């Protein structure tokens, strides 16, 4: 069971940010494994098991990122990330195009939520078409967000605003990509087992949104 990260976790992440090279990493590899990689794996597994216990029919898997950057994307001479993340998702060849639950940790902050890494334009067109077809149903879906303070809607918007069917749907209607996100500065909660409970509760609260977005690919192409 997850028991919390520790100050050494934070120290390592600041260290790799300020000394992003193989020599420093190899000298501190044991600290990476002990204080960042292993607790992140434990946290991901703990939260995943809680979600699967209630949503076994979703076919979820979970993944933990590597600290090594993809060699094809190392253009700044920095081969390592300064933090890690885990995700809970359905298996997909192109995971960045489907909705996922995620948690990430960096030297100064952590965050979690649900959404797309990079939604396809067709996916967002299907979202707009579904909102057009039944804006009342979408307003009912998003209504609980007005009564909570945990998650906010994020995502790049179209420069030329599209005409949404209702004022309440406008923020969603004009997104090129979207996520429901919570972020906060690193603090005491990061060092306790309570973090796993908070993430699991948050993901369960977001499950209706996940189910809504996960079925968009089954909708007909609105451009046809």
Protein backbone atom coordinates (compact mmCIF):
# COMPACT_ATOMS: atom_id res chain seq x y z
CA UNK A 1 0.00 0.00 0.00
CA UNK A 2 1.10 3.53 -0.71
CA UNK A 3 2.39 5.33 2.39
CA UNK A 4 3.49 8.61 0.84
CA UNK A 5 6.40 10.23 -0.94
CA UNK A 6 9.11 11.95 1.14
CA UNK A 7 11.42 14.93 1.12
CA UNK A 8 14.05 12.87 -0.70
CA UNK A 9 11.53 12.54 -3.55
CA UNK A 10 11.40 16.30 -3.90
CA UNK A 11 15.15 16.65 -3.50
CA UNK A 12 15.79 14.17 -6.30
CA UNK A 13 13.43 15.94 -8.71
CA UNK A 14 15.05 19.31 -8.07
CA UNK A 15 18.42 17.65 -8.49
CA UNK A 16 17.63 16.17 -11.89
CA UNK A 17 16.11 19.46 -13.05
CA UNK A 18 19.29 21.33 -12.13
CA UNK A 19 21.71 18.55 -13.18
CA UNK A 20 20.03 16.97 -16.17
CA UNK A 21 22.86 14.74 -17.36
CA UNK A 22 23.84 11.09 -17.28
CA UNK A 23 26.69 11.55 -14.80
CA UNK A 24 24.46 13.07 -12.12
CA UNK A 25 21.63 10.61 -12.76
CA UNK A 26 23.85 7.54 -12.54
CA UNK A 27 25.32 8.82 -9.27
CA UNK A 28 21.81 9.29 -7.87
CA UNK A 29 20.06 6.33 -9.51
CA UNK A 30 19.45 4.56 -6.22
CA UNK A 31 17.70 7.65 -4.82
CA UNK A 32 15.56 7.80 -7.97
CA UNK A 33 14.44 4.19 -7.63
CA UNK A 34 13.86 4.33 -3.88
CA UNK A 35 12.23 7.72 -3.48
CA UNK A 36 10.49 8.43 -6.80
CA UNK A 37 10.05 5.38 -9.03
CA UNK A 38 9.01 2.82 -6.43
CA UNK A 39 6.52 5.01 -4.52
CA UNK A 40 5.04 6.18 -7.84
CA UNK A 41 4.53 2.57 -8.90
CA UNK A 42 2.99 1.76 -5.54
CA UNK A 43 0.67 4.77 -5.71
CA UNK A 44 -0.42 3.90 -9.25
CA UNK A 45 -1.13 0.29 -8.32
CA UNK A 46 -3.00 1.27 -5.14
CA UNK A 47 -5.26 3.73 -6.94
CA UNK A 48 -5.72 1.40 -9.93
CA UNK A 49 -6.88 -1.45 -7.68
CA UNK A 50 -9.42 0.80 -5.98
CA UNK A 51 -10.82 1.92 -9.35
CA UNK A 52 -10.92 -1.59 -10.82
CA UNK A 53 -12.71 -2.90 -7.73
CA UNK A 54 -15.65 -0.64 -8.59
CA UNK A 55 -15.32 -0.41 -12.39
CA UNK A 56 -14.07 -3.85 -13.39
CA UNK A 57 -16.10 -3.76 -16.61
CA UNK A 58 -14.13 -0.82 -18.03
CA UNK A 59 -11.11 -2.91 -19.01
CA UNK A 60 -8.63 -0.44 -17.52
CA UNK A 61 -4.88 -0.88 -17.35
CA UNK A 62 -2.37 1.40 -15.65
CA UNK A 63 1.07 2.63 -16.68
CA UNK A 64 3.94 4.46 -15.01
CA UNK A 65 6.17 6.68 -17.11
CA UNK A 66 9.91 6.32 -17.52
CA UNK A 67 12.21 9.12 -16.42
CA UNK A 68 14.21 8.83 -19.65
CA UNK A 69 12.94 11.06 -22.41
CA UNK A 70 12.29 9.60 -25.83
CA UNK A 71 15.64 9.97 -27.60
CA UNK A 72 13.84 11.34 -30.65
CA UNK A 73 12.58 14.28 -28.58
CA UNK A 74 15.79 15.25 -26.81
CA UNK A 75 16.59 18.51 -28.54
CA UNK A 76 17.71 20.55 -25.53
CA UNK A 77 20.45 18.22 -24.37
CA UNK A 78 18.40 17.10 -21.35
CA UNK A 79 17.82 13.33 -21.49
CA UNK A 80 15.67 13.05 -18.35
CA UNK A 81 12.29 14.29 -17.18
CA UNK A 82 12.16 16.09 -13.84
CA UNK A 83 9.20 14.04 -12.60
CA UNK A 84 7.00 11.03 -13.26
CA UNK A 85 3.36 10.28 -13.97
CA UNK A 86 1.01 7.33 -13.97
CA UNK A 87 -2.16 6.81 -15.97
CA UNK A 88 -5.28 4.65 -15.82
CA UNK A 89 -6.75 4.01 -19.23
CA UNK A 90 -8.06 1.50 -21.72
CA UNK A 91 -5.44 -0.16 -23.93
CA UNK A 92 -4.96 1.84 -27.12
CA UNK A 93 -2.30 2.07 -29.80
CA UNK A 94 -2.59 5.87 -29.81
CA UNK A 95 -3.12 6.59 -26.11
CA UNK A 96 -2.64 10.34 -26.57
CA UNK A 97 -5.87 10.51 -28.59
CA UNK A 98 -8.16 8.85 -26.02
CA UNK A 99 -9.31 10.04 -22.58
CA UNK A 100 -7.17 8.88 -19.63
CA UNK A 101 -6.97 9.39 -15.89
CA UNK A 102 -3.57 10.64 -14.79
CA UNK A 103 -1.42 11.86 -11.90
CA UNK A 104 1.87 13.69 -12.32
CA UNK A 105 4.51 14.87 -9.88
CA UNK A 106 7.16 17.56 -10.43
CA UNK A 107 9.59 19.41 -8.14
CA UNK A 108 7.18 22.24 -7.30
CA UNK A 109 3.70 20.76 -7.81
CA UNK A 110 1.51 17.76 -8.45
CA UNK A 111 -1.68 17.36 -10.42
CA UNK A 112 -4.29 14.85 -11.44
CA UNK A 113 -7.39 14.62 -13.53
CA UNK A 114 -8.95 13.15 -16.64
CA UNK A 115 -8.79 14.18 -20.25
CA UNK A 116 -6.88 14.03 -23.48
CA UNK A 117 -3.19 14.49 -24.09
CA UNK A 118 -4.00 15.52 -27.63
CA UNK A 119 -7.58 15.08 -28.83
CA UNK A 120 -8.15 14.61 -32.55
CA UNK A 121 -10.01 17.41 -34.35
CA UNK A 122 -12.59 14.81 -35.36
CA UNK A 123 -13.13 13.86 -31.71
CA UNK A 124 -13.86 17.48 -30.79
CA UNK A 125 -16.15 17.81 -33.82
CA UNK A 126 -18.07 14.79 -32.56
CA UNK A 127 -18.31 16.39 -29.12
CA UNK A 128 -19.78 19.54 -30.62
CA UNK A 129 -22.23 17.50 -32.69
CA UNK A 130 -23.36 15.60 -29.60
CA UNK A 131 -23.80 18.85 -27.66
CA UNK A 132 -25.80 20.30 -30.57
CA UNK A 133 -28.04 17.27 -30.62
CA UNK A 134 -28.83 17.34 -26.90
CA UNK A 135 -27.43 20.36 -25.03
CA UNK A 136 -29.68 19.67 -22.04
CA UNK A 137 -28.06 16.27 -21.51
CA UNK A 138 -24.59 17.83 -21.61
CA UNK A 139 -25.60 20.57 -19.19
CA UNK A 140 -26.85 17.86 -16.82
CA UNK A 141 -23.49 16.10 -17.09
CA UNK A 142 -21.45 19.21 -16.28
CA UNK A 143 -23.80 20.60 -13.59
CA UNK A 144 -21.93 18.89 -10.68
CA UNK A 145 -18.79 20.85 -11.60
CA UNK A 146 -20.48 24.04 -10.44
CA UNK A 147 -20.78 22.61 -6.92
CA UNK A 148 -17.18 21.47 -6.44
CA UNK A 149 -13.79 23.10 -6.18
CA UNK A 150 -11.48 20.24 -7.06
CA UNK A 151 -11.35 20.25 -10.85
CA UNK A 152 -11.25 22.96 -13.48
CA UNK A 153 -11.66 22.71 -17.22
CA UNK A 154 -8.44 23.30 -19.15
CA UNK A 155 -7.48 23.12 -22.80
CA UNK A 156 -6.52 25.25 -25.78
CA UNK A 157 -9.42 27.12 -27.37
CA UNK A 158 -10.14 28.01 -30.97
CA UNK A 159 -9.04 31.53 -31.80
CA UNK A 160 -12.24 32.03 -33.75
CA UNK A 161 -15.01 31.24 -31.30
CA UNK A 162 -17.70 28.81 -32.38
CA UNK A 163 -21.36 29.48 -31.63
CA UNK A 164 -22.38 27.09 -28.86
CA UNK A 165 -26.06 26.15 -28.48
CA UNK A 166 -26.19 27.45 -24.88
CA UNK A 167 -24.02 29.70 -22.68
CA UNK A 168 -23.23 26.85 -20.27
CA UNK A 169 -21.84 24.67 -23.04
CA UNK A 170 -19.71 27.40 -24.63
CA UNK A 171 -16.49 26.73 -22.71
CA UNK A 172 -16.54 23.08 -23.75
CA UNK A 173 -17.75 23.76 -27.27
CA UNK A 174 -14.76 25.95 -28.05
CA UNK A 175 -12.01 23.64 -26.84
CA UNK A 176 -9.47 22.16 -29.25
CA UNK A 177 -8.34 19.86 -26.46
CA UNK A 178 -9.68 19.40 -22.94
CA UNK A 179 -8.98 18.02 -19.50
CA UNK A 180 -10.53 18.32 -16.06
CA UNK A 181 -7.57 19.11 -13.84
CA UNK A 182 -6.53 19.75 -10.26
CA UNK A 183 -3.08 21.17 -9.50
CA UNK A 184 -1.47 22.28 -6.25
CA UNK A 185 1.92 23.01 -4.78
CA UNK A 186 3.79 20.18 -3.12
CA UNK A 187 3.02 19.94 0.56
CA UNK A 188 2.27 17.65 3.48
CA UNK A 189 -0.49 15.69 1.72
CA UNK A 190 2.07 14.36 -0.74
CA UNK A 191 3.82 12.60 2.13
CA UNK A 192 0.79 10.66 3.40
CA UNK A 193 -1.28 7.64 2.40
CA UNK A 194 -4.28 9.99 2.11
CA UNK A 195 -3.07 10.99 -1.36
CA UNK A 196 -4.18 7.63 -2.79
CA UNK A 197 -7.66 8.05 -1.31
CA UNK A 198 -7.98 11.54 -2.75
CA UNK A 199 -6.97 10.42 -6.23
CA UNK A 200 -9.33 7.45 -6.20
CA UNK A 201 -12.23 9.61 -5.03
CA UNK A 202 -11.44 12.19 -7.69
CA UNK A 203 -11.32 9.63 -10.48
CA UNK A 204 -14.64 8.17 -9.37
CA UNK A 205 -16.19 11.65 -9.46
CA UNK A 206 -14.85 12.07 -13.00
CA UNK A 207 -16.04 8.68 -14.25
CA UNK A 208 -19.29 10.04 -15.81
CA UNK A 209 -17.17 12.43 -17.89
CA UNK A 210 -14.81 9.64 -18.86
CA UNK A 211 -17.72 7.46 -19.99
CA UNK A 212 -19.14 10.33 -22.03
CA UNK A 213 -15.87 11.09 -23.82
CA UNK A 214 -14.81 7.46 -24.25
CA UNK A 215 -17.83 6.80 -26.47
CA UNK A 216 -17.31 9.76 -28.80
CA UNK A 217 -15.27 7.74 -31.29
CA UNK A 218 -18.36 5.56 -31.88
CA UNK A 219 -20.38 8.56 -33.06
CA UNK A 220 -20.80 9.18 -36.79
CA UNK A 221 -18.53 11.65 -38.52
CA UNK A 222 -20.46 14.97 -38.41
CA UNK A 223 -18.65 16.12 -41.53
CA UNK A 224 -20.30 13.46 -43.69
